[in-house]
Amino acid sequence: MSEEEISKALDSDIAITHERLVHAMAARVPLMPLDQKERYFSVLSALVGKLESPEKAMREILQEMMTEAAAIMLQEINAGR
């Protein structure tokens, strides 16, 4: 397989996985408690906002998200206790 063919196959795999994510979350969101929805929305909206900035490299976005999401993820983990 050429690099171009591999790239196109990965593009397709990514699109399919995004669709699976949308369907999975569409089923989960109605069942989430309000505080969990707020945490999920906080992380999701921050990620999308960063992805919409074409000048930012994915590495930079991921580094920022790891830092910002860590506190929210800990809240989520501890919320069930």
PDB file of N, CA and C in Angstrom:
ATOM      1  N   MET A   1       0.849  -1.197   0.000  1.00  0.00           N
ATOM      2  CA  MET A   1       0.000   0.000   0.000  1.00  0.00           C
ATOM      3  C   MET A   1       0.885   1.247   0.000  1.00  0.00           C
ATOM      4  N   SER A   2       0.477   2.222  -0.795  1.00  0.00           N
ATOM      5  CA  SER A   2       1.223   3.480  -0.823  1.00  0.00           C
ATOM      6  C   SER A   2       0.839   4.328   0.398  1.00  0.00           C
ATOM      7  N   GLU A   3       1.643   5.345   0.642  1.00  0.00           N
ATOM      8  CA  GLU A   3       1.356   6.249   1.759  1.00  0.00           C
ATOM      9  C   GLU A   3       0.020   6.955   1.558  1.00  0.00           C
ATOM     10  N   GLU A   4      -0.292   7.310   0.325  1.00  0.00           N
ATOM     11  CA  GLU A   4      -1.563   7.961   0.027  1.00  0.00           C
ATOM     12  C   GLU A   4      -2.745   7.028   0.304  1.00  0.00           C
ATOM     13  N   GLU A   5      -2.619   5.769  -0.047  1.00  0.00           N
ATOM     14  CA  GLU A   5      -3.687   4.794   0.206  1.00  0.00           C
ATOM     15  C   GLU A   5      -3.870   4.577   1.704  1.00  0.00           C
ATOM     16  N   ILE A   6      -2.765   4.511   2.414  1.00  0.00           N
ATOM     17  CA  ILE A   6      -2.845   4.358   3.877  1.00  0.00           C
ATOM     18  C   ILE A   6      -3.515   5.580   4.493  1.00  0.00           C
ATOM     19  N   SER A   7      -3.142   6.761   4.016  1.00  0.00           N
ATOM     20  CA  SER A   7      -3.743   7.999   4.528  1.00  0.00           C
ATOM     21  C   SER A   7      -5.244   8.024   4.285  1.00  0.00           C
ATOM     22  N   LYS A   8      -5.684   7.642   3.094  1.00  0.00           N
ATOM     23  CA  LYS A   8      -7.118   7.613   2.775  1.00  0.00           C
ATOM     24  C   LYS A   8      -7.851   6.573   3.617  1.00  0.00           C
ATOM     25  N   ALA A   9      -7.218   5.431   3.842  1.00  0.00           N
ATOM     26  CA  ALA A   9      -7.831   4.399   4.688  1.00  0.00           C
ATOM     27  C   ALA A   9      -7.976   4.906   6.117  1.00  0.00           C
ATOM     28  N   LEU A  10      -6.962   5.598   6.615  1.00  0.00           N
ATOM     29  CA  LEU A  10      -7.048   6.156   7.970  1.00  0.00           C
ATOM     30  C   LEU A  10      -8.109   7.250   8.052  1.00  0.00           C
ATOM     31  N   ASP A  11      -8.205   8.071   6.996  1.00  0.00           N
ATOM     32  CA  ASP A  11      -9.264   9.091   6.967  1.00  0.00           C
ATOM     33  C   ASP A  11     -10.636   8.434   7.103  1.00  0.00           C
ATOM     34  N   SER A  12     -10.836   7.362   6.393  1.00  0.00           N
ATOM     35  CA  SER A  12     -12.098   6.635   6.444  1.00  0.00           C
ATOM     36  C   SER A  12     -12.332   6.033   7.828  1.00  0.00           C
ATOM     37  N   ASP A  13     -11.302   5.424   8.395  1.00  0.00           N
ATOM     38  CA  ASP A  13     -11.415   4.843   9.735  1.00  0.00           C
ATOM     39  C   ASP A  13     -11.748   5.900  10.775  1.00  0.00           C
ATOM     40  N   ILE A  14     -11.128   7.058  10.652  1.00  0.00           N
ATOM     41  CA  ILE A  14     -11.388   8.152  11.593  1.00  0.00           C
ATOM     42  C   ILE A  14     -12.833   8.625  11.461  1.00  0.00           C
ATOM     43  N   ALA A  15     -13.316   8.785  10.231  1.00  0.00           N
ATOM     44  CA  ALA A  15     -14.703   9.223  10.017  1.00  0.00           C
ATOM     45  C   ALA A  15     -15.689   8.219  10.601  1.00  0.00           C
ATOM     46  N   ILE A  16     -15.430   6.945  10.394  1.00  0.00           N
ATOM     47  CA  ILE A  16     -16.309   5.898  10.936  1.00  0.00           C
ATOM     48  C   ILE A  16     -16.293   5.929  12.466  1.00  0.00           C
ATOM     49  N   THR A  17     -15.125   6.111  13.047  1.00  0.00           N
ATOM     50  CA  THR A  17     -15.006   6.152  14.509  1.00  0.00           C
ATOM     51  C   THR A  17     -15.695   7.384  15.071  1.00  0.00           C
ATOM     52  N   HIS A  18     -15.615   8.520  14.374  1.00  0.00           N
ATOM     53  CA  HIS A  18     -16.337   9.718  14.813  1.00  0.00           C
ATOM     54  C   HIS A  18     -17.842   9.457  14.835  1.00  0.00           C
ATOM     55  N   GLU A  19     -18.337   8.787  13.803  1.00  0.00           N
ATOM     56  CA  GLU A  19     -19.765   8.442  13.751  1.00  0.00           C
ATOM     57  C   GLU A  19     -20.143   7.537  14.934  1.00  0.00           C
ATOM     58  N   ARG A  20     -19.307   6.575  15.227  1.00  0.00           N
ATOM     59  CA  ARG A  20     -19.568   5.681  16.362  1.00  0.00           C
ATOM     60  C   ARG A  20     -19.605   6.471  17.665  1.00  0.00           C
ATOM     61  N   LEU A  21     -18.702   7.441  17.806  1.00  0.00           N
ATOM     62  CA  LEU A  21     -18.672   8.287  19.004  1.00  0.00           C
ATOM     63  C   LEU A  21     -19.978   9.070  19.138  1.00  0.00           C
ATOM     64  N   VAL A  22     -20.414   9.667  18.046  1.00  0.00           N
ATOM     65  CA  VAL A  22     -21.659  10.447  18.071  1.00  0.00           C
ATOM     66  C   VAL A  22     -22.838   9.569  18.483  1.00  0.00           C
ATOM     67  N   HIS A  23     -22.935   8.391  17.909  1.00  0.00           N
ATOM     68  CA  HIS A  23     -24.040   7.479  18.253  1.00  0.00           C
ATOM     69  C   HIS A  23     -23.949   7.015  19.710  1.00  0.00           C
ATOM     70  N   ALA A  24     -22.748   6.682  20.151  1.00  0.00           N
ATOM     71  CA  ALA A  24     -22.574   6.213  21.530  1.00  0.00           C
ATOM     72  C   ALA A  24     -22.950   7.303  22.530  1.00  0.00           C
ATOM     73  N   MET A  25     -22.526   8.529  22.269  1.00  0.00           N
ATOM     74  CA  MET A  25     -22.827   9.611  23.202  1.00  0.00           C
ATOM     75  C   MET A  25     -24.284  10.036  23.119  1.00  0.00           C
ATOM     76  N   ALA A  26     -24.892   9.932  21.949  1.00  0.00           N
ATOM     77  CA  ALA A  26     -26.318  10.248  21.827  1.00  0.00           C
ATOM     78  C   ALA A  26     -27.149   9.324  22.713  1.00  0.00           C
ATOM     79  N   ALA A  27     -26.689   8.097  22.872  1.00  0.00           N
ATOM     80  CA  ALA A  27     -27.390   7.156  23.745  1.00  0.00           C
ATOM     81  C   ALA A  27     -27.096   7.420  25.219  1.00  0.00           C
ATOM     82  N   ARG A  28     -25.900   7.884  25.523  1.00  0.00           N
ATOM     83  CA  ARG A  28     -25.507   8.083  26.920  1.00  0.00           C
ATOM     84  C   ARG A  28     -25.969   9.404  27.524  1.00  0.00           C
ATOM     85  N   VAL A  29     -25.906  10.480  26.738  1.00  0.00           N
ATOM     86  CA  VAL A  29     -26.178  11.816  27.288  1.00  0.00           C
ATOM     87  C   VAL A  29     -27.541  11.907  27.973  1.00  0.00           C
ATOM     88  N   PRO A  30     -28.622  11.399  27.407  1.00  0.00           N
ATOM     89  CA  PRO A  30     -29.908  11.511  28.102  1.00  0.00           C
ATOM     90  C   PRO A  30     -29.932  10.813  29.467  1.00  0.00           C
ATOM     91  N   LEU A  31     -29.059   9.846  29.665  1.00  0.00           N
ATOM     92  CA  LEU A  31     -29.034   9.094  30.919  1.00  0.00           C
ATOM     93  C   LEU A  31     -28.102   9.700  31.967  1.00  0.00           C
ATOM     94  N   MET A  32     -27.317  10.689  31.579  1.00  0.00           N
ATOM     95  CA  MET A  32     -26.347  11.285  32.504  1.00  0.00           C
ATOM     96  C   MET A  32     -27.026  12.219  33.496  1.00  0.00           C
ATOM     97  N   PRO A  33     -26.551  12.211  34.737  1.00  0.00           N
ATOM     98  CA  PRO A  33     -27.032  13.227  35.683  1.00  0.00           C
ATOM     99  C   PRO A  33     -26.544  14.618  35.231  1.00  0.00           C
ATOM    100  N   LEU A  34     -27.225  15.644  35.666  1.00  0.00           N
ATOM    101  CA  LEU A  34     -26.928  17.009  35.254  1.00  0.00           C
ATOM    102  C   LEU A  34     -25.468  17.386  35.484  1.00  0.00           C
ATOM    103  N   ASP A  35     -24.908  17.076  36.648  1.00  0.00           N
ATOM    104  CA  ASP A  35     -23.523  17.465  36.927  1.00  0.00           C
ATOM    105  C   ASP A  35     -22.546  16.769  35.978  1.00  0.00           C
ATOM    106  N   GLN A  36     -22.842  15.545  35.607  1.00  0.00           N
ATOM    107  CA  GLN A  36     -21.989  14.822  34.659  1.00  0.00           C
ATOM    108  C   GLN A  36     -22.092  15.443  33.262  1.00  0.00           C
ATOM    109  N   LYS A  37     -23.296  15.831  32.869  1.00  0.00           N
ATOM    110  CA  LYS A  37     -23.468  16.504  31.585  1.00  0.00           C
ATOM    111  C   LYS A  37     -22.655  17.800  31.537  1.00  0.00           C
ATOM    112  N   GLU A  38     -22.666  18.535  32.650  1.00  0.00           N
ATOM    113  CA  GLU A  38     -21.912  19.787  32.699  1.00  0.00           C
ATOM    114  C   GLU A  38     -20.409  19.540  32.529  1.00  0.00           C
ATOM    115  N   ARG A  39     -19.888  18.515  33.190  1.00  0.00           N
ATOM    116  CA  ARG A  39     -18.461  18.200  33.061  1.00  0.00           C
ATOM    117  C   ARG A  39     -18.132  17.742  31.640  1.00  0.00           C
ATOM    118  N   TYR A  40     -18.973  16.895  31.074  1.00  0.00           N
ATOM    119  CA  TYR A  40     -18.755  16.414  29.713  1.00  0.00           C
ATOM    120  C   TYR A  40     -18.776  17.583  28.726  1.00  0.00           C
ATOM    121  N   PHE A  41     -19.754  18.460  28.863  1.00  0.00           N
ATOM    122  CA  PHE A  41     -19.855  19.613  27.973  1.00  0.00           C
ATOM    123  C   PHE A  41     -18.639  20.518  28.114  1.00  0.00           C
ATOM    124  N   SER A  42     -18.158  20.695  29.311  1.00  0.00           N
ATOM    125  CA  SER A  42     -16.989  21.536  29.538  1.00  0.00           C
ATOM    126  C   SER A  42     -15.770  21.022  28.772  1.00  0.00           C
ATOM    127  N   VAL A  43     -15.512  19.726  28.888  1.00  0.00           N
ATOM    128  CA  VAL A  43     -14.369  19.132  28.191  1.00  0.00           C
ATOM    129  C   VAL A  43     -14.592  19.155  26.678  1.00  0.00           C
ATOM    130  N   LEU A  44     -15.780  18.762  26.250  1.00  0.00           N
ATOM    131  CA  LEU A  44     -16.070  18.678  24.823  1.00  0.00           C
ATOM    132  C   LEU A  44     -15.998  20.045  24.155  1.00  0.00           C
ATOM    133  N   SER A  45     -16.588  21.057  24.768  1.00  0.00           N
ATOM    134  CA  SER A  45     -16.586  22.387  24.151  1.00  0.00           C
ATOM    135  C   SER A  45     -15.179  22.973  24.107  1.00  0.00           C
ATOM    136  N   ALA A  46     -14.370  22.717  25.137  1.00  0.00           N
ATOM    137  CA  ALA A  46     -12.977  23.184  25.114  1.00  0.00           C
ATOM    138  C   ALA A  46     -12.199  22.514  23.990  1.00  0.00           C
ATOM    139  N   LEU A  47     -12.390  21.210  23.828  1.00  0.00           N
ATOM    140  CA  LEU A  47     -11.692  20.485  22.774  1.00  0.00           C
ATOM    141  C   LEU A  47     -12.085  20.995  21.391  1.00  0.00           C
ATOM    142  N   VAL A  48     -13.376  21.147  21.158  1.00  0.00           N
ATOM    143  CA  VAL A  48     -13.851  21.609  19.850  1.00  0.00           C
ATOM    144  C   VAL A  48     -13.335  23.022  19.565  1.00  0.00           C
ATOM    145  N   GLY A  49     -13.367  23.877  20.562  1.00  0.00           N
ATOM    146  CA  GLY A  49     -12.859  25.237  20.391  1.00  0.00           C
ATOM    147  C   GLY A  49     -11.395  25.246  19.968  1.00  0.00           C
ATOM    148  N   LYS A  50     -10.616  24.392  20.575  1.00  0.00           N
ATOM    149  CA  LYS A  50      -9.198  24.299  20.224  1.00  0.00           C
ATOM    150  C   LYS A  50      -9.010  23.708  18.828  1.00  0.00           C
ATOM    151  N   LEU A  51      -9.792  22.711  18.488  1.00  0.00           N
ATOM    152  CA  LEU A  51      -9.685  22.090  17.168  1.00  0.00           C
ATOM    153  C   LEU A  51     -10.073  23.053  16.052  1.00  0.00           C
ATOM    154  N   GLU A  52     -10.918  24.031  16.373  1.00  0.00           N
ATOM    155  CA  GLU A  52     -11.341  25.005  15.369  1.00  0.00           C
ATOM    156  C   GLU A  52     -10.254  26.029  15.046  1.00  0.00           C
ATOM    157  N   SER A  53      -9.182  26.045  15.815  1.00  0.00           N
ATOM    158  CA  SER A  53      -8.062  26.960  15.559  1.00  0.00           C
ATOM    159  C   SER A  53      -7.046  26.257  14.671  1.00  0.00           C
ATOM    160  N   PRO A  54      -7.080  26.511  13.360  1.00  0.00           N
ATOM    161  CA  PRO A  54      -6.202  25.780  12.450  1.00  0.00           C
ATOM    162  C   PRO A  54      -4.719  26.042  12.680  1.00  0.00           C
ATOM    163  N   GLU A  55      -4.383  27.143  13.337  1.00  0.00           N
ATOM    164  CA  GLU A  55      -2.973  27.450  13.562  1.00  0.00           C
ATOM    165  C   GLU A  55      -2.349  26.611  14.680  1.00  0.00           C
ATOM    166  N   LYS A  56      -3.174  25.958  15.481  1.00  0.00           N
ATOM    167  CA  LYS A  56      -2.658  25.124  16.564  1.00  0.00           C
ATOM    168  C   LYS A  56      -2.374  23.716  16.070  1.00  0.00           C
ATOM    169  N   ALA A  57      -1.212  23.212  16.425  1.00  0.00           N
ATOM    170  CA  ALA A  57      -0.850  21.837  16.078  1.00  0.00           C
ATOM    171  C   ALA A  57      -1.590  20.880  17.006  1.00  0.00           C
ATOM    172  N   MET A  58      -1.870  19.684  16.511  1.00  0.00           N
ATOM    173  CA  MET A  58      -2.562  18.680  17.325  1.00  0.00           C
ATOM    174  C   MET A  58      -1.799  18.401  18.614  1.00  0.00           C
ATOM    175  N   ARG A  59      -0.483  18.355  18.543  1.00  0.00           N
ATOM    176  CA  ARG A  59       0.325  18.125  19.751  1.00  0.00           C
ATOM    177  C   ARG A  59       0.030  19.189  20.806  1.00  0.00           C
ATOM    178  N   GLU A  60      -0.020  20.436  20.380  1.00  0.00           N
ATOM    179  CA  GLU A  60      -0.292  21.549  21.303  1.00  0.00           C
ATOM    180  C   GLU A  60      -1.699  21.431  21.888  1.00  0.00           C
ATOM    181  N   ILE A  61      -2.664  21.107  21.045  1.00  0.00           N
ATOM    182  CA  ILE A  61      -4.040  20.943  21.513  1.00  0.00           C
ATOM    183  C   ILE A  61      -4.125  19.829  22.547  1.00  0.00           C
ATOM    184  N   LEU A  62      -3.508  18.700  22.254  1.00  0.00           N
ATOM    185  CA  LEU A  62      -3.556  17.566  23.183  1.00  0.00           C
ATOM    186  C   LEU A  62      -2.878  17.895  24.501  1.00  0.00           C
ATOM    187  N   GLN A  63      -1.759  18.608  24.453  1.00  0.00           N
ATOM    188  CA  GLN A  63      -1.081  18.996  25.693  1.00  0.00           C
ATOM    189  C   GLN A  63      -1.966  19.904  26.537  1.00  0.00           C
ATOM    190  N   GLU A  64      -2.600  20.883  25.897  1.00  0.00           N
ATOM    191  CA  GLU A  64      -3.501  21.783  26.618  1.00  0.00           C
ATOM    192  C   GLU A  64      -4.694  21.026  27.196  1.00  0.00           C
ATOM    193  N   MET A  65      -5.262  20.135  26.404  1.00  0.00           N
ATOM    194  CA  MET A  65      -6.434  19.393  26.856  1.00  0.00           C
ATOM    195  C   MET A  65      -6.103  18.473  28.025  1.00  0.00           C
ATOM    196  N   MET A  66      -4.941  17.860  27.999  1.00  0.00           N
ATOM    197  CA  MET A  66      -4.552  16.989  29.116  1.00  0.00           C
ATOM    198  C   MET A  66      -4.525  17.788  30.412  1.00  0.00           C
ATOM    199  N   THR A  67      -3.969  18.976  30.342  1.00  0.00           N
ATOM    200  CA  THR A  67      -3.878  19.829  31.531  1.00  0.00           C
ATOM    201  C   THR A  67      -5.265  20.277  31.989  1.00  0.00           C
ATOM    202  N   GLU A  68      -6.063  20.771  31.054  1.00  0.00           N
ATOM    203  CA  GLU A  68      -7.383  21.298  31.398  1.00  0.00           C
ATOM    204  C   GLU A  68      -8.360  20.206  31.807  1.00  0.00           C
ATOM    205  N   ALA A  69      -8.297  19.080  31.154  1.00  0.00           N
ATOM    206  CA  ALA A  69      -9.265  18.016  31.413  1.00  0.00           C
ATOM    207  C   ALA A  69      -8.939  17.209  32.663  1.00  0.00           C
ATOM    208  N   ALA A  70      -7.703  17.249  33.108  1.00  0.00           N
ATOM    209  CA  ALA A  70      -7.311  16.432  34.262  1.00  0.00           C
ATOM    210  C   ALA A  70      -8.195  16.709  35.484  1.00  0.00           C
ATOM    211  N   ALA A  71      -8.402  17.969  35.797  1.00  0.00           N
ATOM    212  CA  ALA A  71      -9.220  18.314  36.971  1.00  0.00           C
ATOM    213  C   ALA A  71     -10.664  17.852  36.788  1.00  0.00           C
ATOM    214  N   ILE A  72     -11.196  18.025  35.592  1.00  0.00           N
ATOM    215  CA  ILE A  72     -12.579  17.614  35.321  1.00  0.00           C
ATOM    216  C   ILE A  72     -12.701  16.100  35.373  1.00  0.00           C
ATOM    217  N   MET A  73     -11.702  15.406  34.864  1.00  0.00           N
ATOM    218  CA  MET A  73     -11.716  13.940  34.901  1.00  0.00           C
ATOM    219  C   MET A  73     -11.661  13.436  36.344  1.00  0.00           C
ATOM    220  N   LEU A  74     -10.877  14.073  37.172  1.00  0.00           N
ATOM    221  CA  LEU A  74     -10.833  13.686  38.583  1.00  0.00           C
ATOM    222  C   LEU A  74     -12.172  13.931  39.263  1.00  0.00           C
ATOM    223  N   GLN A  75     -12.823  15.025  38.932  1.00  0.00           N
ATOM    224  CA  GLN A  75     -14.167  15.290  39.475  1.00  0.00           C
ATOM    225  C   GLN A  75     -15.123  14.179  39.078  1.00  0.00           C
ATOM    226  N   GLU A  76     -15.033  13.754  37.826  1.00  0.00           N
ATOM    227  CA  GLU A  76     -15.924  12.696  37.336  1.00  0.00           C
ATOM    228  C   GLU A  76     -15.651  11.370  38.057  1.00  0.00           C
ATOM    229  N   ILE A  77     -14.392  11.063  38.214  1.00  0.00           N
ATOM    230  CA  ILE A  77     -14.013   9.807  38.894  1.00  0.00           C
ATOM    231  C   ILE A  77     -14.501   9.820  40.340  1.00  0.00           C
ATOM    232  N   ASN A  78     -14.357  10.968  41.005  1.00  0.00           N
ATOM    233  CA  ASN A  78     -14.746  11.072  42.410  1.00  0.00           C
ATOM    234  C   ASN A  78     -16.237  11.291  42.610  1.00  0.00           C
ATOM    235  N   ALA A  79     -16.958  11.660  41.550  1.00  0.00           N
ATOM    236  CA  ALA A  79     -18.385  11.935  41.681  1.00  0.00           C
ATOM    237  C   ALA A  79     -19.193  10.704  42.055  1.00  0.00           C
ATOM    238  N   GLY A  80     -18.735   9.563  41.655  1.00  0.00           N
ATOM    239  CA  GLY A  80     -19.475   8.331  41.923  1.00  0.00           C
ATOM    240  C   GLY A  80     -19.229   7.751  43.302  1.00  0.00           C
ATOM    241  N   ARG A  81     -18.419   8.405  44.069  1.00  0.00           N
ATOM    242  CA  ARG A  81     -18.070   7.869  45.398  1.00  0.00           C
ATOM    243  C   ARG A  81     -18.945   8.381  46.482  1.00  0.00           C
TER     244      ARG A  81
END
